[in-house]
Amino acid sequence: MVTRRAECSCGQLSATCSGEPVRISVCHCLDCKRRTGSAFSYNVRFAEADVSIEGRALQFTRVGEL
């Protein structure tokens, strides 16, 4: 079984996903462009039961140009 791990920039929050994704998609809507700073965003979704989150999640706000 494949295991995937992602973590935030500071390493205090991580998510581990096991098994295969439920859905993989690429989006080019304006919200995704703004969120990623790119022409599109790549999204992978897993079943909630296959995801383990470790660490403390806090709100993070990044202010950009208006």
PDB file of N, CA and C in Angstrom:
ATOM      1  N   MET A   1       0.841  -1.179   0.000  1.00  0.00           N
ATOM      2  CA  MET A   1       0.000   0.000   0.000  1.00  0.00           C
ATOM      3  C   MET A   1       0.887   1.242   0.000  1.00  0.00           C
ATOM      4  N   VAL A   2       0.545   2.197  -0.824  1.00  0.00           N
ATOM      5  CA  VAL A   2       1.309   3.439  -0.934  1.00  0.00           C
ATOM      6  C   VAL A   2       0.907   4.384   0.191  1.00  0.00           C
ATOM      7  N   THR A   3       1.904   5.043   0.787  1.00  0.00           N
ATOM      8  CA  THR A   3       1.663   6.051   1.823  1.00  0.00           C
ATOM      9  C   THR A   3       2.271   7.363   1.353  1.00  0.00           C
ATOM     10  N   ARG A   4       1.500   8.439   1.475  1.00  0.00           N
ATOM     11  CA  ARG A   4       1.969   9.774   1.083  1.00  0.00           C
ATOM     12  C   ARG A   4       1.925  10.683   2.294  1.00  0.00           C
ATOM     13  N   ARG A   5       2.919  11.571   2.397  1.00  0.00           N
ATOM     14  CA  ARG A   5       2.989  12.483   3.540  1.00  0.00           C
ATOM     15  C   ARG A   5       3.222  13.902   3.050  1.00  0.00           C
ATOM     16  N   ALA A   6       2.518  14.845   3.643  1.00  0.00           N
ATOM     17  CA  ALA A   6       2.690  16.267   3.344  1.00  0.00           C
ATOM     18  C   ALA A   6       2.819  17.007   4.663  1.00  0.00           C
ATOM     19  N   GLU A   7       3.592  18.091   4.649  1.00  0.00           N
ATOM     20  CA  GLU A   7       3.697  18.888   5.870  1.00  0.00           C
ATOM     21  C   GLU A   7       3.824  20.358   5.527  1.00  0.00           C
ATOM     22  N   CYS A   8       3.514  21.189   6.502  1.00  0.00           N
ATOM     23  CA  CYS A   8       3.597  22.626   6.307  1.00  0.00           C
ATOM     24  C   CYS A   8       5.065  23.062   6.269  1.00  0.00           C
ATOM     25  N   SER A   9       5.280  24.310   5.943  1.00  0.00           N
ATOM     26  CA  SER A   9       6.644  24.831   5.807  1.00  0.00           C
ATOM     27  C   SER A   9       7.459  24.715   7.086  1.00  0.00           C
ATOM     28  N   CYS A  10       6.829  24.895   8.235  1.00  0.00           N
ATOM     29  CA  CYS A  10       7.581  24.841   9.499  1.00  0.00           C
ATOM     30  C   CYS A  10       7.663  23.425  10.061  1.00  0.00           C
ATOM     31  N   GLY A  11       6.894  22.480   9.502  1.00  0.00           N
ATOM     32  CA  GLY A  11       6.949  21.085   9.932  1.00  0.00           C
ATOM     33  C   GLY A  11       6.111  20.746  11.151  1.00  0.00           C
ATOM     34  N   GLN A  12       5.319  21.681  11.667  1.00  0.00           N
ATOM     35  CA  GLN A  12       4.521  21.426  12.868  1.00  0.00           C
ATOM     36  C   GLN A  12       3.211  20.707  12.578  1.00  0.00           C
ATOM     37  N   LEU A  13       2.768  20.705  11.319  1.00  0.00           N
ATOM     38  CA  LEU A  13       1.507  20.074  10.946  1.00  0.00           C
ATOM     39  C   LEU A  13       1.763  19.161   9.760  1.00  0.00           C
ATOM     40  N   SER A  14       1.267  17.926   9.838  1.00  0.00           N
ATOM     41  CA  SER A  14       1.470  16.994   8.724  1.00  0.00           C
ATOM     42  C   SER A  14       0.219  16.151   8.500  1.00  0.00           C
ATOM     43  N   ALA A  15       0.096  15.662   7.286  1.00  0.00           N
ATOM     44  CA  ALA A  15      -0.995  14.759   6.916  1.00  0.00           C
ATOM     45  C   ALA A  15      -0.383  13.546   6.227  1.00  0.00           C
ATOM     46  N   THR A  16      -0.816  12.364   6.638  1.00  0.00           N
ATOM     47  CA  THR A  16      -0.375  11.126   6.022  1.00  0.00           C
ATOM     48  C   THR A  16      -1.587  10.445   5.402  1.00  0.00           C
ATOM     49  N   CYS A  17      -1.485  10.105   4.118  1.00  0.00           N
ATOM     50  CA  CYS A  17      -2.581   9.469   3.380  1.00  0.00           C
ATOM     51  C   CYS A  17      -2.135   8.088   2.943  1.00  0.00           C
ATOM     52  N   SER A  18      -2.996   7.100   3.150  1.00  0.00           N
ATOM     53  CA  SER A  18      -2.679   5.741   2.714  1.00  0.00           C
ATOM     54  C   SER A  18      -3.660   5.314   1.634  1.00  0.00           C
ATOM     55  N   GLY A  19      -3.223   4.412   0.779  1.00  0.00           N
ATOM     56  CA  GLY A  19      -4.101   3.936  -0.283  1.00  0.00           C
ATOM     57  C   GLY A  19      -4.110   4.856  -1.483  1.00  0.00           C
ATOM     58  N   GLU A  20      -5.072   4.616  -2.347  1.00  0.00           N
ATOM     59  CA  GLU A  20      -5.177   5.374  -3.591  1.00  0.00           C
ATOM     60  C   GLU A  20      -6.135   6.558  -3.431  1.00  0.00           C
ATOM     61  N   PRO A  21      -5.889   7.643  -4.161  1.00  0.00           N
ATOM     62  CA  PRO A  21      -6.786   8.803  -4.099  1.00  0.00           C
ATOM     63  C   PRO A  21      -8.183   8.469  -4.603  1.00  0.00           C
ATOM     64  N   VAL A  22      -9.165   9.169  -4.073  1.00  0.00           N
ATOM     65  CA  VAL A  22     -10.547   9.050  -4.533  1.00  0.00           C
ATOM     66  C   VAL A  22     -10.716   9.852  -5.823  1.00  0.00           C
ATOM     67  N   ARG A  23     -10.009  10.993  -5.900  1.00  0.00           N
ATOM     68  CA  ARG A  23     -10.131  11.870  -7.070  1.00  0.00           C
ATOM     69  C   ARG A  23      -8.850  12.671  -7.253  1.00  0.00           C
ATOM     70  N   ILE A  24      -8.460  12.869  -8.499  1.00  0.00           N
ATOM     71  CA  ILE A  24      -7.338  13.730  -8.857  1.00  0.00           C
ATOM     72  C   ILE A  24      -7.866  14.720  -9.887  1.00  0.00           C
ATOM     73  N   SER A  25      -7.590  16.002  -9.696  1.00  0.00           N
ATOM     74  CA  SER A  25      -8.098  16.988 -10.643  1.00  0.00           C
ATOM     75  C   SER A  25      -7.130  18.165 -10.770  1.00  0.00           C
ATOM     76  N   VAL A  26      -7.299  18.893 -11.854  1.00  0.00           N
ATOM     77  CA  VAL A  26      -6.557  20.123 -12.098  1.00  0.00           C
ATOM     78  C   VAL A  26      -7.609  21.213 -12.299  1.00  0.00           C
ATOM     79  N   CYS A  27      -7.421  22.336 -11.620  1.00  0.00           N
ATOM     80  CA  CYS A  27      -8.405  23.418 -11.709  1.00  0.00           C
ATOM     81  C   CYS A  27      -7.718  24.704 -12.158  1.00  0.00           C
ATOM     82  N   HIS A  28      -8.421  25.506 -12.933  1.00  0.00           N
ATOM     83  CA  HIS A  28      -7.879  26.777 -13.386  1.00  0.00           C
ATOM     84  C   HIS A  28      -8.838  27.928 -13.100  1.00  0.00           C
ATOM     85  N   CYS A  29      -9.696  27.763 -12.069  1.00  0.00           N
ATOM     86  CA  CYS A  29     -10.598  28.844 -11.690  1.00  0.00           C
ATOM     87  C   CYS A  29      -9.789  29.980 -11.045  1.00  0.00           C
ATOM     88  N   LEU A  30     -10.370  31.138 -10.948  1.00  0.00           N
ATOM     89  CA  LEU A  30      -9.673  32.310 -10.425  1.00  0.00           C
ATOM     90  C   LEU A  30      -9.228  32.107  -8.973  1.00  0.00           C
ATOM     91  N   ASP A  31     -10.061  31.458  -8.149  1.00  0.00           N
ATOM     92  CA  ASP A  31      -9.686  31.219  -6.753  1.00  0.00           C
ATOM     93  C   ASP A  31      -8.447  30.333  -6.657  1.00  0.00           C
ATOM     94  N   CYS A  32      -8.377  29.272  -7.459  1.00  0.00           N
ATOM     95  CA  CYS A  32      -7.208  28.387  -7.437  1.00  0.00           C
ATOM     96  C   CYS A  32      -5.968  29.091  -7.969  1.00  0.00           C
ATOM     97  N   LYS A  33      -6.129  29.931  -8.981  1.00  0.00           N
ATOM     98  CA  LYS A  33      -5.001  30.706  -9.489  1.00  0.00           C
ATOM     99  C   LYS A  33      -4.449  31.626  -8.406  1.00  0.00           C
ATOM    100  N   ARG A  34      -5.334  32.274  -7.681  1.00  0.00           N
ATOM    101  CA  ARG A  34      -4.895  33.175  -6.601  1.00  0.00           C
ATOM    102  C   ARG A  34      -4.230  32.402  -5.465  1.00  0.00           C
ATOM    103  N   ARG A  35      -4.794  31.249  -5.115  1.00  0.00           N
ATOM    104  CA  ARG A  35      -4.263  30.463  -3.999  1.00  0.00           C
ATOM    105  C   ARG A  35      -2.874  29.925  -4.287  1.00  0.00           C
ATOM    106  N   THR A  36      -2.644  29.495  -5.533  1.00  0.00           N
ATOM    107  CA  THR A  36      -1.359  28.878  -5.854  1.00  0.00           C
ATOM    108  C   THR A  36      -0.357  29.844  -6.477  1.00  0.00           C
ATOM    109  N   GLY A  37      -0.835  30.965  -7.015  1.00  0.00           N
ATOM    110  CA  GLY A  37       0.051  31.880  -7.718  1.00  0.00           C
ATOM    111  C   GLY A  37       0.472  31.333  -9.067  1.00  0.00           C
ATOM    112  N   SER A  38      -0.284  30.389  -9.583  1.00  0.00           N
ATOM    113  CA  SER A  38       0.034  29.731 -10.844  1.00  0.00           C
ATOM    114  C   SER A  38      -1.175  29.808 -11.770  1.00  0.00           C
ATOM    115  N   ALA A  39      -1.060  29.227 -12.948  1.00  0.00           N
ATOM    116  CA  ALA A  39      -2.165  29.205 -13.897  1.00  0.00           C
ATOM    117  C   ALA A  39      -3.208  28.145 -13.545  1.00  0.00           C
ATOM    118  N   PHE A  40      -2.860  27.233 -12.620  1.00  0.00           N
ATOM    119  CA  PHE A  40      -3.786  26.167 -12.235  1.00  0.00           C
ATOM    120  C   PHE A  40      -3.361  25.594 -10.888  1.00  0.00           C
ATOM    121  N   SER A  41      -4.194  24.742 -10.321  1.00  0.00           N
ATOM    122  CA  SER A  41      -3.825  24.016  -9.099  1.00  0.00           C
ATOM    123  C   SER A  41      -4.094  22.533  -9.321  1.00  0.00           C
ATOM    124  N   TYR A  42      -3.283  21.703  -8.722  1.00  0.00           N
ATOM    125  CA  TYR A  42      -3.371  20.254  -8.823  1.00  0.00           C
ATOM    126  C   TYR A  42      -3.941  19.762  -7.501  1.00  0.00           C
ATOM    127  N   ASN A  43      -5.051  19.044  -7.524  1.00  0.00           N
ATOM    128  CA  ASN A  43      -5.743  18.617  -6.309  1.00  0.00           C
ATOM    129  C   ASN A  43      -5.869  17.100  -6.258  1.00  0.00           C
ATOM    130  N   VAL A  44      -5.614  16.533  -5.080  1.00  0.00           N
ATOM    131  CA  VAL A  44      -5.779  15.099  -4.859  1.00  0.00           C
ATOM    132  C   VAL A  44      -6.641  14.932  -3.618  1.00  0.00           C
ATOM    133  N   ARG A  45      -7.655  14.096  -3.705  1.00  0.00           N
ATOM    134  CA  ARG A  45      -8.566  13.882  -2.575  1.00  0.00           C
ATOM    135  C   ARG A  45      -8.521  12.428  -2.144  1.00  0.00           C
ATOM    136  N   PHE A  46      -8.531  12.241  -0.815  1.00  0.00           N
ATOM    137  CA  PHE A  46      -8.525  10.906  -0.223  1.00  0.00           C
ATOM    138  C   PHE A  46      -9.743  10.748   0.666  1.00  0.00           C
ATOM    139  N   ALA A  47     -10.164   9.509   0.888  1.00  0.00           N
ATOM    140  CA  ALA A  47     -11.253   9.234   1.831  1.00  0.00           C
ATOM    141  C   ALA A  47     -10.793   9.661   3.223  1.00  0.00           C
ATOM    142  N   GLU A  48     -11.689  10.222   4.000  1.00  0.00           N
ATOM    143  CA  GLU A  48     -11.346  10.721   5.339  1.00  0.00           C
ATOM    144  C   GLU A  48     -10.724   9.630   6.209  1.00  0.00           C
ATOM    145  N   ALA A  49     -11.194   8.405   6.070  1.00  0.00           N
ATOM    146  CA  ALA A  49     -10.675   7.288   6.870  1.00  0.00           C
ATOM    147  C   ALA A  49      -9.221   6.952   6.517  1.00  0.00           C
ATOM    148  N   ASP A  50      -8.756   7.371   5.345  1.00  0.00           N
ATOM    149  CA  ASP A  50      -7.391   7.081   4.898  1.00  0.00           C
ATOM    150  C   ASP A  50      -6.401   8.192   5.218  1.00  0.00           C
ATOM    151  N   VAL A  51      -6.852   9.235   5.942  1.00  0.00           N
ATOM    152  CA  VAL A  51      -6.005  10.395   6.239  1.00  0.00           C
ATOM    153  C   VAL A  51      -5.782  10.515   7.739  1.00  0.00           C
ATOM    154  N   SER A  52      -4.520  10.708   8.117  1.00  0.00           N
ATOM    155  CA  SER A  52      -4.155  10.923   9.512  1.00  0.00           C
ATOM    156  C   SER A  52      -3.455  12.274   9.616  1.00  0.00           C
ATOM    157  N   ILE A  53      -3.970  13.151  10.478  1.00  0.00           N
ATOM    158  CA  ILE A  53      -3.390  14.486  10.649  1.00  0.00           C
ATOM    159  C   ILE A  53      -2.702  14.554  11.997  1.00  0.00           C
ATOM    160  N   GLU A  54      -1.468  15.053  12.001  1.00  0.00           N
ATOM    161  CA  GLU A  54      -0.682  15.184  13.230  1.00  0.00           C
ATOM    162  C   GLU A  54      -0.229  16.629  13.387  1.00  0.00           C
ATOM    163  N   GLY A  55      -0.236  17.104  14.616  1.00  0.00           N
ATOM    164  CA  GLY A  55       0.216  18.457  14.887  1.00  0.00           C
ATOM    165  C   GLY A  55      -0.951  19.385  15.149  1.00  0.00           C
ATOM    166  N   ARG A  56      -0.618  20.630  15.355  1.00  0.00           N
ATOM    167  CA  ARG A  56      -1.615  21.630  15.699  1.00  0.00           C
ATOM    168  C   ARG A  56      -1.852  22.551  14.511  1.00  0.00           C
ATOM    169  N   ALA A  57      -3.094  22.695  14.107  1.00  0.00           N
ATOM    170  CA  ALA A  57      -3.447  23.575  12.992  1.00  0.00           C
ATOM    171  C   ALA A  57      -3.844  24.945  13.529  1.00  0.00           C
ATOM    172  N   LEU A  58      -3.169  25.956  13.046  1.00  0.00           N
ATOM    173  CA  LEU A  58      -3.501  27.335  13.387  1.00  0.00           C
ATOM    174  C   LEU A  58      -3.884  28.061  12.114  1.00  0.00           C
ATOM    175  N   GLN A  59      -4.527  29.185  12.262  1.00  0.00           N
ATOM    176  CA  GLN A  59      -4.900  29.956  11.083  1.00  0.00           C
ATOM    177  C   GLN A  59      -3.657  30.654  10.542  1.00  0.00           C
ATOM    178  N   PHE A  60      -3.501  30.627   9.242  1.00  0.00           N
ATOM    179  CA  PHE A  60      -2.380  31.275   8.583  1.00  0.00           C
ATOM    180  C   PHE A  60      -2.927  32.214   7.532  1.00  0.00           C
ATOM    181  N   THR A  61      -2.478  33.441   7.548  1.00  0.00           N
ATOM    182  CA  THR A  61      -2.938  34.439   6.566  1.00  0.00           C
ATOM    183  C   THR A  61      -1.735  35.031   5.873  1.00  0.00           C
ATOM    184  N   ARG A  62      -1.771  35.022   4.577  1.00  0.00           N
ATOM    185  CA  ARG A  62      -0.706  35.642   3.786  1.00  0.00           C
ATOM    186  C   ARG A  62      -1.318  36.812   3.039  1.00  0.00           C
ATOM    187  N   VAL A  63      -0.837  38.010   3.272  1.00  0.00           N
ATOM    188  CA  VAL A  63      -1.369  39.205   2.635  1.00  0.00           C
ATOM    189  C   VAL A  63      -0.557  39.478   1.381  1.00  0.00           C
ATOM    190  N   GLY A  64      -1.248  39.643   0.266  1.00  0.00           N
ATOM    191  CA  GLY A  64      -0.589  39.957  -1.001  1.00  0.00           C
ATOM    192  C   GLY A  64      -1.010  41.335  -1.478  1.00  0.00           C
ATOM    193  N   GLU A  65      -0.639  41.650  -2.668  1.00  0.00           N
ATOM    194  CA  GLU A  65      -1.018  42.935  -3.247  1.00  0.00           C
ATOM    195  C   GLU A  65      -2.521  42.985  -3.444  1.00  0.00           C
ATOM    196  N   LEU A  66      -3.077  44.147  -3.258  1.00  0.00           N
ATOM    197  CA  LEU A  66      -4.522  44.328  -3.449  1.00  0.00           C
ATOM    198  C   LEU A  66      -4.825  44.896  -4.806  1.00  0.00           C
TER     199      LEU A  66
END
